[in-house]
């Protein structure tokens, strides 16, 4: 029996086998490319989600700062909570009792100009002091509600003594009680999924 060959010298069954092999290779390449594309898309989605979470948490911390500043403005300066105060949760003291902190010296009878922010104890700044650990210790921070977060941001307020008012009012030995109280606010906000933490600070001069 004579075998028939096509003009190229390859039998039809051989051609079909070659086509199948090429098709399988193309399918394999397409599968690999598709898997890589899915992985890349998934990574981009996770990155976008993480960035959005970070932005929401950052905006919440900024909102909290503004709210705390407004609270300080509304409350005004209460001398009894700053000068020689140790017996109330409203006191500005070295242990940040009630979320209000003061590490310097401002004793009863002192003029504003005598207030000194040199710490009475040697330690890290209160917001990162692992011994004091304000963020994890009860009654050493306050919280304030903000939109878009289920967990209210924590904050502390530090009293930084007095500075010039900035309106031309003299604050010196001749005018020792004409200063303006200065505060540092530190806010710590955490996203609802716990994966994003933002800490922001501002200094606020209270001109009454």
N, C-alpha and C. Protein backbone atom coordinates (compact mmCIF):
# COMPACT_ATOMS: atom_id res chain seq x y z
N UNK A 1 0.85 -1.19 0.00
CA UNK A 1 0.00 0.00 0.00
C UNK A 1 0.88 1.24 0.00
N UNK A 2 0.51 2.15 -0.83
CA UNK A 2 1.27 3.38 -0.91
C UNK A 2 0.77 4.39 0.13
N UNK A 3 1.72 5.06 0.81
CA UNK A 3 1.36 6.12 1.76
C UNK A 3 1.34 7.44 1.03
N UNK A 4 0.35 8.25 1.41
CA UNK A 4 0.24 9.55 0.76
C UNK A 4 0.84 10.62 1.65
N UNK A 5 1.56 11.51 1.03
CA UNK A 5 2.19 12.61 1.74
C UNK A 5 1.72 13.92 1.13
N UNK A 6 1.66 14.94 1.97
CA UNK A 6 1.34 16.26 1.43
C UNK A 6 2.57 16.83 0.78
N UNK A 7 2.44 17.97 0.16
CA UNK A 7 3.54 18.54 -0.59
C UNK A 7 4.73 18.87 0.30
N UNK A 8 4.48 19.16 1.56
CA UNK A 8 5.60 19.51 2.46
C UNK A 8 6.34 18.29 2.93
N UNK A 9 5.80 17.14 2.68
CA UNK A 9 6.45 15.92 3.11
C UNK A 9 6.04 15.47 4.48
N UNK A 10 5.06 16.14 5.11
CA UNK A 10 4.59 15.78 6.45
C UNK A 10 3.18 15.24 6.32
N UNK A 11 2.93 14.16 7.02
CA UNK A 11 1.60 13.53 6.93
C UNK A 11 0.57 14.40 7.63
N UNK A 12 -0.71 14.32 7.29
CA UNK A 12 -1.78 15.09 7.95
C UNK A 12 -1.81 14.85 9.44
N UNK A 13 -1.58 13.60 9.88
CA UNK A 13 -1.60 13.33 11.32
C UNK A 13 -0.45 14.05 12.02
N UNK A 14 0.69 14.17 11.34
CA UNK A 14 1.83 14.89 11.92
C UNK A 14 1.52 16.37 12.05
N UNK A 15 0.81 16.91 11.05
CA UNK A 15 0.44 18.33 11.12
C UNK A 15 -0.50 18.59 12.30
N UNK A 16 -1.47 17.63 12.44
CA UNK A 16 -2.41 17.81 13.55
C UNK A 16 -1.68 17.75 14.89
N UNK A 17 -0.70 16.92 15.01
CA UNK A 17 0.07 16.81 16.26
C UNK A 17 0.84 18.09 16.54
N UNK A 18 1.42 18.69 15.50
CA UNK A 18 2.17 19.93 15.67
C UNK A 18 1.25 21.07 16.09
N UNK A 19 0.08 21.13 15.45
CA UNK A 19 -0.89 22.17 15.80
C UNK A 19 -1.33 22.03 17.26
N UNK A 20 -1.53 20.80 17.71
CA UNK A 20 -1.95 20.55 19.09
C UNK A 20 -0.87 21.01 20.06
N UNK A 21 0.37 20.70 19.72
CA UNK A 21 1.48 21.08 20.60
C UNK A 21 1.59 22.60 20.71
N UNK A 22 1.50 23.28 19.57
CA UNK A 22 1.57 24.74 19.57
C UNK A 22 0.41 25.34 20.35
N UNK A 23 -0.78 24.75 20.17
CA UNK A 23 -1.97 25.24 20.89
C UNK A 23 -1.80 25.10 22.40
N UNK A 24 -1.27 23.95 22.82
CA UNK A 24 -1.05 23.72 24.25
C UNK A 24 -0.04 24.72 24.82
N UNK A 25 1.01 24.99 24.05
CA UNK A 25 2.02 25.96 24.50
C UNK A 25 1.40 27.35 24.63
N UNK A 26 0.60 27.73 23.63
CA UNK A 26 -0.06 29.04 23.68
C UNK A 26 -1.01 29.12 24.87
N UNK A 27 -1.76 28.05 25.13
CA UNK A 27 -2.65 28.03 26.28
C UNK A 27 -1.88 28.18 27.59
N UNK A 28 -0.74 27.50 27.65
CA UNK A 28 0.10 27.59 28.86
C UNK A 28 0.59 29.01 29.07
N UNK A 29 1.07 29.64 27.98
CA UNK A 29 1.55 31.02 28.07
C UNK A 29 0.43 31.96 28.50
N UNK A 30 -0.75 31.77 27.89
CA UNK A 30 -1.89 32.62 28.23
C UNK A 30 -2.31 32.43 29.69
N UNK A 31 -2.25 31.19 30.17
CA UNK A 31 -2.60 30.91 31.57
C UNK A 31 -1.64 31.59 32.53
N UNK A 32 -0.33 31.50 32.20
CA UNK A 32 0.68 32.14 33.04
C UNK A 32 0.49 33.66 33.06
N UNK A 33 0.23 34.24 31.88
CA UNK A 33 0.01 35.68 31.80
C UNK A 33 -1.25 36.10 32.57
N UNK A 34 -2.28 35.29 32.46
CA UNK A 34 -3.53 35.61 33.17
C UNK A 34 -3.32 35.54 34.68
N UNK A 35 -2.58 34.51 35.12
CA UNK A 35 -2.31 34.37 36.56
C UNK A 35 -1.49 35.55 37.06
N UNK A 36 -0.49 35.95 36.27
CA UNK A 36 0.34 37.09 36.65
C UNK A 36 -0.48 38.38 36.72
N UNK A 37 -1.40 38.52 35.76
CA UNK A 37 -2.25 39.72 35.74
C UNK A 37 -3.19 39.76 36.94
N UNK A 38 -3.74 38.60 37.30
CA UNK A 38 -4.62 38.52 38.47
C UNK A 38 -3.85 38.86 39.74
N UNK A 39 -2.63 38.32 39.84
CA UNK A 39 -1.80 38.60 41.01
C UNK A 39 -1.47 40.08 41.10
N UNK A 40 -1.13 40.68 39.95
CA UNK A 40 -0.80 42.11 39.92
C UNK A 40 -2.01 42.96 40.30
N UNK A 41 -3.18 42.59 39.77
CA UNK A 41 -4.41 43.32 40.08
C UNK A 41 -4.75 43.21 41.56
N UNK A 42 -4.56 42.01 42.11
CA UNK A 42 -4.83 41.80 43.53
C UNK A 42 -3.90 42.64 44.39
N UNK A 43 -2.62 42.71 44.01
CA UNK A 43 -1.66 43.51 44.75
C UNK A 43 -2.02 44.99 44.69
N UNK A 44 -2.38 45.45 43.49
CA UNK A 44 -2.77 46.86 43.33
C UNK A 44 -4.01 47.19 44.16
N UNK A 45 -4.95 46.24 44.21
CA UNK A 45 -6.17 46.45 45.00
C UNK A 45 -5.83 46.55 46.48
N UNK A 46 -4.95 45.67 46.96
CA UNK A 46 -4.54 45.72 48.37
C UNK A 46 -3.82 47.02 48.69
N UNK A 47 -2.97 47.47 47.77
CA UNK A 47 -2.25 48.72 47.97
C UNK A 47 -3.21 49.91 48.00
N UNK A 48 -4.19 49.90 47.09
CA UNK A 48 -5.16 50.99 47.05
C UNK A 48 -6.01 51.00 48.32
N UNK A 49 -6.38 49.82 48.79
CA UNK A 49 -7.18 49.72 50.02
C UNK A 49 -6.38 50.21 51.22
N UNK A 50 -5.10 49.81 51.28
CA UNK A 50 -4.25 50.25 52.39
C UNK A 50 -4.04 51.75 52.37
N UNK A 51 -3.86 52.30 51.16
CA UNK A 51 -3.67 53.75 51.05
C UNK A 51 -4.94 54.50 51.46
N UNK A 52 -6.09 53.98 51.06
CA UNK A 52 -7.35 54.62 51.43
C UNK A 52 -7.57 54.57 52.94
N UNK A 53 -7.24 53.43 53.54
CA UNK A 53 -7.36 53.29 54.99
C UNK A 53 -6.45 54.28 55.70
N UNK A 54 -5.23 54.43 55.17
CA UNK A 54 -4.28 55.37 55.76
C UNK A 54 -4.80 56.80 55.67
N UNK A 55 -5.35 57.15 54.53
CA UNK A 55 -5.86 58.50 54.33
C UNK A 55 -7.03 58.80 55.26
N UNK A 56 -7.93 57.83 55.41
CA UNK A 56 -9.08 58.02 56.30
C UNK A 56 -8.60 58.20 57.74
N UNK A 57 -7.62 57.40 58.15
CA UNK A 57 -7.09 57.49 59.52
C UNK A 57 -6.36 58.82 59.73
N UNK A 58 -5.60 59.26 58.72
CA UNK A 58 -4.89 60.53 58.81
C UNK A 58 -5.88 61.69 58.94
N UNK A 59 -6.92 61.67 58.11
CA UNK A 59 -7.93 62.74 58.17
C UNK A 59 -8.66 62.74 59.51
N UNK A 60 -8.88 61.55 60.08
CA UNK A 60 -9.52 61.46 61.39
C UNK A 60 -8.62 62.08 62.46
N UNK A 61 -7.31 61.83 62.37
CA UNK A 61 -6.38 62.41 63.34
C UNK A 61 -6.35 63.93 63.22
N UNK A 62 -6.36 64.44 61.98
CA UNK A 62 -6.39 65.89 61.78
C UNK A 62 -7.66 66.50 62.36
N UNK A 63 -8.78 65.84 62.14
CA UNK A 63 -10.05 66.33 62.68
C UNK A 63 -10.02 66.35 64.20
N UNK A 64 -9.43 65.30 64.79
CA UNK A 64 -9.33 65.23 66.24
C UNK A 64 -8.48 66.38 66.78
N UNK A 65 -7.37 66.70 66.12
CA UNK A 65 -6.53 67.82 66.55
C UNK A 65 -7.32 69.12 66.58
N UNK A 66 -8.06 69.38 65.53
CA UNK A 66 -8.84 70.62 65.46
C UNK A 66 -9.90 70.67 66.55
N UNK A 67 -10.51 69.53 66.83
CA UNK A 67 -11.53 69.48 67.88
C UNK A 67 -10.92 69.76 69.25
N UNK A 68 -9.75 69.18 69.51
CA UNK A 68 -9.10 69.39 70.81
C UNK A 68 -8.69 70.86 70.96
N UNK A 69 -8.16 71.44 69.89
CA UNK A 69 -7.81 72.86 69.93
C UNK A 69 -9.04 73.71 70.26
N UNK A 70 -10.17 73.36 69.66
CA UNK A 70 -11.41 74.10 69.93
C UNK A 70 -11.84 73.93 71.39
N UNK A 71 -11.63 72.74 71.95
CA UNK A 71 -11.96 72.51 73.35
C UNK A 71 -11.09 73.36 74.27
N UNK A 72 -9.79 73.44 73.96
CA UNK A 72 -8.88 74.25 74.78
C UNK A 72 -9.31 75.72 74.72
N UNK A 73 -9.65 76.18 73.53
CA UNK A 73 -10.09 77.57 73.35
C UNK A 73 -11.36 77.83 74.16
N UNK A 74 -12.29 76.89 74.12
CA UNK A 74 -13.56 77.08 74.82
C UNK A 74 -13.39 77.05 76.33
N UNK A 75 -12.51 76.18 76.82
CA UNK A 75 -12.31 76.04 78.27
C UNK A 75 -11.54 77.21 78.86
N UNK A 76 -10.60 77.76 78.07
CA UNK A 76 -9.77 78.85 78.58
C UNK A 76 -8.71 78.35 79.56
N UNK A 77 -7.97 79.28 80.09
CA UNK A 77 -6.90 78.95 81.03
C UNK A 77 -7.43 78.99 82.45
N UNK A 78 -7.32 77.85 83.12
CA UNK A 78 -7.75 77.75 84.52
C UNK A 78 -6.50 77.56 85.37
N UNK A 79 -6.11 78.60 86.05
CA UNK A 79 -4.84 78.61 86.78
C UNK A 79 -4.73 77.45 87.76
N UNK A 80 -5.82 77.13 88.44
CA UNK A 80 -5.78 76.09 89.46
C UNK A 80 -5.43 74.72 88.89
N UNK A 81 -5.65 74.51 87.61
CA UNK A 81 -5.33 73.22 86.99
C UNK A 81 -3.88 73.15 86.51
N UNK A 82 -3.16 74.27 86.57
CA UNK A 82 -1.81 74.33 86.05
C UNK A 82 -0.76 74.56 87.15
N UNK A 83 -1.08 75.38 88.10
CA UNK A 83 -0.08 75.81 89.08
C UNK A 83 -0.19 75.00 90.36
N UNK A 84 0.84 74.16 90.61
CA UNK A 84 0.87 73.37 91.83
C UNK A 84 -0.30 72.42 91.98
N UNK A 85 -0.86 71.96 90.90
CA UNK A 85 -2.06 71.11 90.93
C UNK A 85 -1.68 69.63 90.94
N UNK A 86 -2.17 68.90 91.94
CA UNK A 86 -1.85 67.47 92.03
C UNK A 86 -3.02 66.62 92.48
N UNK A 87 -4.14 67.22 92.83
CA UNK A 87 -5.20 66.45 93.49
C UNK A 87 -6.44 66.25 92.63
N UNK A 88 -6.35 66.51 91.35
CA UNK A 88 -7.54 66.41 90.51
C UNK A 88 -7.19 65.80 89.16
N UNK A 89 -8.18 65.14 88.55
CA UNK A 89 -7.98 64.58 87.21
C UNK A 89 -7.81 65.67 86.17
N UNK A 90 -8.13 66.90 86.54
CA UNK A 90 -7.97 68.04 85.62
C UNK A 90 -6.59 68.65 85.70
N UNK A 91 -5.77 68.17 86.65
CA UNK A 91 -4.43 68.73 86.83
C UNK A 91 -3.50 68.37 85.67
N UNK A 92 -2.66 69.32 85.30
CA UNK A 92 -1.55 69.03 84.38
C UNK A 92 -0.40 68.55 85.25
N UNK A 93 -0.08 67.25 85.16
CA UNK A 93 0.96 66.72 86.05
C UNK A 93 1.90 65.78 85.30
N UNK A 94 2.91 65.33 86.00
CA UNK A 94 3.99 64.56 85.39
C UNK A 94 3.52 63.18 84.93
N UNK A 95 2.43 62.68 85.50
CA UNK A 95 1.93 61.35 85.14
C UNK A 95 0.83 61.38 84.09
N UNK A 96 0.54 62.56 83.54
CA UNK A 96 -0.52 62.70 82.53
C UNK A 96 -1.86 62.20 83.05
N UNK A 97 -2.13 62.44 84.30
CA UNK A 97 -3.41 62.03 84.88
C UNK A 97 -4.56 62.68 84.12
N UNK A 98 -5.47 61.85 83.64
CA UNK A 98 -6.60 62.37 82.89
C UNK A 98 -6.25 62.87 81.51
N UNK A 99 -5.05 62.56 81.03
CA UNK A 99 -4.65 62.97 79.69
C UNK A 99 -4.05 64.36 79.61
N UNK A 100 -3.82 65.01 80.76
CA UNK A 100 -3.21 66.34 80.78
C UNK A 100 -1.84 66.24 81.45
N UNK A 101 -0.80 66.70 80.76
CA UNK A 101 0.58 66.44 81.18
C UNK A 101 1.36 67.74 81.42
N UNK A 102 2.25 67.69 82.40
CA UNK A 102 3.19 68.79 82.63
C UNK A 102 4.40 68.22 83.36
N UNK A 103 5.57 68.34 82.75
CA UNK A 103 6.78 67.74 83.33
C UNK A 103 7.71 68.77 83.94
N UNK A 104 7.32 70.04 83.97
CA UNK A 104 8.21 71.08 84.48
C UNK A 104 7.86 71.51 85.89
N UNK A 105 8.15 72.78 86.20
CA UNK A 105 7.85 73.33 87.52
C UNK A 105 7.09 74.64 87.37
N UNK A 106 5.99 74.73 88.11
CA UNK A 106 5.18 75.94 88.16
C UNK A 106 4.42 75.89 89.48
N UNK A 107 5.11 76.33 90.52
CA UNK A 107 4.60 76.17 91.88
C UNK A 107 3.65 77.30 92.26
N UNK A 108 2.86 77.05 93.29
CA UNK A 108 1.95 78.07 93.80
C UNK A 108 2.74 79.31 94.19
N UNK A 109 2.26 80.45 93.76
CA UNK A 109 2.94 81.72 94.04
C UNK A 109 3.88 82.16 92.95
N UNK A 110 4.24 81.27 92.02
CA UNK A 110 5.12 81.64 90.90
C UNK A 110 4.37 82.55 89.93
N UNK A 111 5.12 83.47 89.33
CA UNK A 111 4.59 84.24 88.21
C UNK A 111 4.67 83.38 86.96
N UNK A 112 3.92 83.75 85.93
CA UNK A 112 3.96 82.98 84.69
C UNK A 112 5.38 82.85 84.15
N UNK A 113 6.15 83.92 84.27
CA UNK A 113 7.50 83.91 83.71
C UNK A 113 8.43 82.96 84.45
N UNK A 114 8.02 82.54 85.66
CA UNK A 114 8.82 81.57 86.44
C UNK A 114 8.56 80.13 86.02
N UNK A 115 7.52 79.91 85.25
CA UNK A 115 7.19 78.56 84.80
C UNK A 115 8.35 78.00 83.97
N UNK A 116 8.71 76.75 84.24
CA UNK A 116 9.87 76.14 83.59
C UNK A 116 9.47 74.77 83.07
N UNK A 117 9.71 74.52 81.79
CA UNK A 117 9.33 73.22 81.21
C UNK A 117 10.45 72.19 81.26
N UNK A 118 11.57 72.52 81.91
CA UNK A 118 12.63 71.53 82.08
C UNK A 118 12.06 70.38 82.89
N UNK A 119 12.10 69.14 82.39
CA UNK A 119 11.47 68.02 83.09
C UNK A 119 12.02 67.83 84.50
N UNK A 120 11.13 67.48 85.42
CA UNK A 120 11.56 67.16 86.77
C UNK A 120 12.11 65.74 86.86
N UNK A 121 11.83 64.93 85.85
CA UNK A 121 12.39 63.58 85.77
C UNK A 121 12.98 63.40 84.37
N UNK A 122 14.03 62.59 84.28
CA UNK A 122 14.67 62.33 82.99
C UNK A 122 13.97 61.17 82.30
N UNK A 123 13.42 61.43 81.13
CA UNK A 123 12.72 60.38 80.41
C UNK A 123 12.48 60.83 78.97
N UNK A 124 11.95 59.92 78.19
CA UNK A 124 11.57 60.22 76.82
C UNK A 124 10.36 61.15 76.82
N UNK A 125 10.08 61.83 75.70
CA UNK A 125 8.83 62.60 75.61
C UNK A 125 7.64 61.71 75.96
N UNK A 126 6.66 62.29 76.61
CA UNK A 126 5.58 61.47 77.18
C UNK A 126 4.86 60.61 76.15
N UNK A 127 4.76 61.08 74.91
CA UNK A 127 3.99 60.32 73.91
C UNK A 127 4.71 59.07 73.43
N UNK A 128 6.01 58.96 73.74
CA UNK A 128 6.74 57.74 73.35
C UNK A 128 7.50 57.12 74.51
N UNK A 129 7.22 57.54 75.71
CA UNK A 129 7.87 56.99 76.89
C UNK A 129 7.28 55.62 77.21
N UNK A 130 8.09 54.58 77.07
CA UNK A 130 7.60 53.22 77.28
C UNK A 130 7.32 52.93 78.76
N UNK A 131 7.95 53.68 79.64
CA UNK A 131 7.69 53.49 81.07
C UNK A 131 6.34 54.07 81.46
N UNK A 132 6.08 55.29 81.01
CA UNK A 132 4.80 55.93 81.30
C UNK A 132 3.68 55.27 80.49
N UNK A 133 3.96 54.98 79.22
CA UNK A 133 3.05 54.25 78.32
C UNK A 133 1.63 54.80 78.37
N UNK A 134 1.51 56.08 78.03
CA UNK A 134 0.20 56.73 78.14
C UNK A 134 -0.86 56.07 77.27
N UNK A 135 -0.49 55.55 76.11
CA UNK A 135 -1.48 55.05 75.15
C UNK A 135 -2.12 53.75 75.60
N UNK A 136 -1.44 53.00 76.44
CA UNK A 136 -1.98 51.71 76.88
C UNK A 136 -2.39 51.71 78.35
N UNK A 137 -2.17 52.82 79.05
CA UNK A 137 -2.48 52.89 80.48
C UNK A 137 -3.78 53.65 80.70
N UNK A 138 -4.66 53.07 81.48
CA UNK A 138 -5.97 53.68 81.73
C UNK A 138 -5.82 55.06 82.38
N UNK A 139 -6.69 55.97 81.98
CA UNK A 139 -6.78 57.31 82.58
C UNK A 139 -5.58 58.21 82.28
N UNK A 140 -4.76 57.86 81.28
CA UNK A 140 -3.66 58.73 80.91
C UNK A 140 -3.86 59.36 79.54
N UNK A 141 -4.96 59.06 78.93
CA UNK A 141 -5.33 59.72 77.67
C UNK A 141 -6.81 60.07 77.73
N UNK A 142 -7.23 60.88 76.78
CA UNK A 142 -8.63 61.15 76.57
C UNK A 142 -8.99 60.69 75.16
N UNK A 143 -10.26 60.59 74.88
CA UNK A 143 -10.71 60.22 73.54
C UNK A 143 -11.67 61.27 73.03
N UNK A 144 -11.77 61.33 71.71
CA UNK A 144 -12.68 62.30 71.09
C UNK A 144 -13.28 61.67 69.84
N UNK A 145 -14.60 61.73 69.67
CA UNK A 145 -15.22 61.09 68.51
C UNK A 145 -14.99 61.88 67.22
N UNK A 146 -14.76 61.16 66.14
CA UNK A 146 -14.61 61.77 64.82
C UNK A 146 -15.34 60.89 63.80
N UNK A 147 -15.73 61.46 62.66
CA UNK A 147 -16.40 60.66 61.63
C UNK A 147 -15.48 59.60 61.03
N UNK A 148 -16.08 58.55 60.50
CA UNK A 148 -15.42 57.50 59.71
C UNK A 148 -14.57 56.53 60.51
N UNK A 149 -14.53 56.67 61.82
CA UNK A 149 -13.80 55.71 62.64
C UNK A 149 -14.73 55.21 63.75
N UNK A 150 -14.75 53.89 63.93
CA UNK A 150 -15.54 53.33 65.02
C UNK A 150 -14.85 53.48 66.36
N UNK A 151 -13.52 53.49 66.31
CA UNK A 151 -12.72 53.63 67.53
C UNK A 151 -12.26 55.08 67.67
N UNK A 152 -12.68 55.75 68.73
CA UNK A 152 -12.34 57.16 68.91
C UNK A 152 -10.84 57.35 69.10
N UNK A 153 -10.23 58.34 68.43
CA UNK A 153 -8.81 58.62 68.62
C UNK A 153 -8.50 59.01 70.07
N UNK A 154 -7.30 58.64 70.51
CA UNK A 154 -6.81 59.03 71.83
C UNK A 154 -6.00 60.31 71.69
N UNK A 155 -5.91 61.08 72.78
CA UNK A 155 -5.06 62.26 72.74
C UNK A 155 -4.59 62.63 74.14
N UNK A 156 -3.47 63.36 74.18
CA UNK A 156 -2.98 63.96 75.41
C UNK A 156 -2.69 65.43 75.12
N UNK A 157 -2.75 66.25 76.17
CA UNK A 157 -2.44 67.67 76.06
C UNK A 157 -1.33 67.98 77.06
N UNK A 158 -0.22 68.52 76.56
CA UNK A 158 0.89 68.91 77.43
C UNK A 158 0.91 70.44 77.61
N UNK A 159 1.08 70.86 78.82
CA UNK A 159 1.24 72.28 79.12
C UNK A 159 2.71 72.62 78.98
N UNK A 160 3.03 73.63 78.16
CA UNK A 160 4.42 74.01 77.86
C UNK A 160 4.77 75.39 78.41
N UNK A 161 4.17 75.76 79.53
CA UNK A 161 4.39 77.06 80.17
C UNK A 161 3.81 78.20 79.31
N UNK A 162 4.47 79.35 79.32
CA UNK A 162 3.89 80.55 78.71
C UNK A 162 4.84 81.16 77.68
N UNK A 163 4.27 81.80 76.70
CA UNK A 163 5.05 82.47 75.66
C UNK A 163 4.42 83.84 75.41
N UNK A 164 5.11 84.68 74.65
CA UNK A 164 4.55 85.98 74.28
C UNK A 164 3.27 85.79 73.48
N UNK A 165 2.37 86.73 73.64
CA UNK A 165 1.06 86.61 72.99
C UNK A 165 1.12 86.83 71.48
N UNK A 166 2.13 87.53 71.02
CA UNK A 166 2.23 87.77 69.59
C UNK A 166 1.43 88.96 69.12
N UNK A 167 0.89 89.73 70.06
CA UNK A 167 0.10 90.91 69.68
C UNK A 167 0.77 92.20 70.15
N UNK A 168 2.05 92.11 70.48
CA UNK A 168 2.78 93.28 70.96
C UNK A 168 2.80 93.41 72.47
N UNK A 169 2.05 92.56 73.17
CA UNK A 169 2.05 92.59 74.63
C UNK A 169 3.39 92.12 75.16
N UNK A 170 3.97 92.87 76.08
CA UNK A 170 5.27 92.50 76.63
C UNK A 170 5.13 91.35 77.62
N UNK A 171 6.09 90.46 77.58
CA UNK A 171 6.14 89.36 78.54
C UNK A 171 7.59 89.22 78.99
N UNK A 172 7.91 89.87 80.09
CA UNK A 172 9.28 89.88 80.61
C UNK A 172 9.22 90.14 82.11
N UNK A 173 10.38 90.44 82.68
CA UNK A 173 10.44 90.64 84.13
C UNK A 173 9.56 91.79 84.59
N UNK A 174 9.35 92.77 83.72
CA UNK A 174 8.49 93.90 84.08
C UNK A 174 7.01 93.55 83.95
N UNK A 175 6.69 92.57 83.11
CA UNK A 175 5.31 92.13 82.91
C UNK A 175 5.27 90.60 83.00
N UNK A 176 5.52 90.07 84.21
CA UNK A 176 5.74 88.63 84.37
C UNK A 176 4.49 87.76 84.23
N UNK A 177 3.32 88.36 84.18
CA UNK A 177 2.09 87.56 84.08
C UNK A 177 1.28 87.89 82.83
N UNK A 178 1.95 88.39 81.82
CA UNK A 178 1.26 88.78 80.59
C UNK A 178 1.53 87.81 79.44
N UNK A 179 1.81 86.57 79.78
CA UNK A 179 2.07 85.57 78.74
C UNK A 179 0.81 84.84 78.33
N UNK A 180 0.97 83.99 77.34
CA UNK A 180 -0.14 83.15 76.86
C UNK A 180 0.25 81.69 77.05
N UNK A 181 -0.63 80.87 77.64
CA UNK A 181 -0.30 79.46 77.82
C UNK A 181 -0.13 78.74 76.49
N UNK A 182 0.85 77.87 76.44
CA UNK A 182 1.16 77.11 75.22
C UNK A 182 0.95 75.63 75.50
N UNK A 183 0.33 74.95 74.56
CA UNK A 183 0.04 73.53 74.73
C UNK A 183 0.54 72.74 73.52
N UNK A 184 0.91 71.50 73.78
CA UNK A 184 1.22 70.57 72.69
C UNK A 184 0.18 69.45 72.75
N UNK A 185 -0.49 69.25 71.64
CA UNK A 185 -1.52 68.22 71.54
C UNK A 185 -0.97 67.06 70.72
N UNK A 186 -1.10 65.84 71.23
CA UNK A 186 -0.68 64.66 70.49
C UNK A 186 -1.89 63.74 70.34
N UNK A 187 -2.21 63.42 69.11
CA UNK A 187 -3.37 62.57 68.80
C UNK A 187 -2.89 61.26 68.18
N UNK A 188 -3.51 60.17 68.59
CA UNK A 188 -3.20 58.85 68.03
C UNK A 188 -4.49 58.22 67.54
N UNK A 189 -4.58 58.01 66.22
CA UNK A 189 -5.78 57.43 65.62
C UNK A 189 -5.44 56.06 65.03
N UNK A 190 -6.37 55.13 65.14
CA UNK A 190 -6.18 53.78 64.62
C UNK A 190 -7.34 53.42 63.71
N UNK A 191 -7.02 52.81 62.58
CA UNK A 191 -8.07 52.41 61.64
C UNK A 191 -8.92 51.30 62.25
N UNK A 192 -10.10 51.10 61.69
CA UNK A 192 -11.01 50.09 62.22
C UNK A 192 -10.43 48.68 62.12
N UNK A 193 -9.61 48.43 61.09
CA UNK A 193 -9.01 47.09 60.95
C UNK A 193 -7.71 46.95 61.73
N UNK A 194 -7.29 48.03 62.39
CA UNK A 194 -6.09 47.97 63.23
C UNK A 194 -4.78 47.96 62.48
N UNK A 195 -4.83 48.12 61.16
CA UNK A 195 -3.62 48.03 60.36
C UNK A 195 -2.96 49.38 60.07
N UNK A 196 -3.64 50.45 60.43
CA UNK A 196 -3.08 51.78 60.18
C UNK A 196 -3.15 52.60 61.46
N UNK A 197 -1.99 53.12 61.87
CA UNK A 197 -1.92 53.98 63.05
C UNK A 197 -1.29 55.31 62.64
N UNK A 198 -1.92 56.39 63.04
CA UNK A 198 -1.42 57.72 62.71
C UNK A 198 -1.31 58.54 64.00
N UNK A 199 -0.14 59.16 64.20
CA UNK A 199 0.06 60.04 65.34
C UNK A 199 0.41 61.43 64.81
N UNK A 200 -0.35 62.43 65.21
CA UNK A 200 -0.13 63.81 64.79
C UNK A 200 0.01 64.71 66.01
N UNK A 201 0.74 65.82 65.83
CA UNK A 201 0.92 66.78 66.91
C UNK A 201 0.69 68.20 66.40
N UNK A 202 0.27 69.05 67.31
CA UNK A 202 0.21 70.47 67.03
C UNK A 202 0.53 71.23 68.31
N UNK A 203 1.02 72.45 68.18
CA UNK A 203 1.18 73.32 69.33
C UNK A 203 0.14 74.43 69.21
N UNK A 204 -0.43 74.78 70.35
CA UNK A 204 -1.55 75.72 70.34
C UNK A 204 -1.34 76.78 71.42
N UNK A 205 -1.29 78.02 71.00
CA UNK A 205 -1.16 79.14 71.93
C UNK A 205 -2.54 79.70 72.22
N UNK A 206 -2.86 79.78 73.50
CA UNK A 206 -4.17 80.27 73.90
C UNK A 206 -4.08 81.73 74.26
N UNK A 207 -4.58 82.58 73.37
CA UNK A 207 -4.63 84.02 73.64
C UNK A 207 -6.02 84.39 74.13
N UNK A 208 -6.11 84.67 75.39
CA UNK A 208 -7.42 84.97 75.98
C UNK A 208 -7.70 86.47 75.90
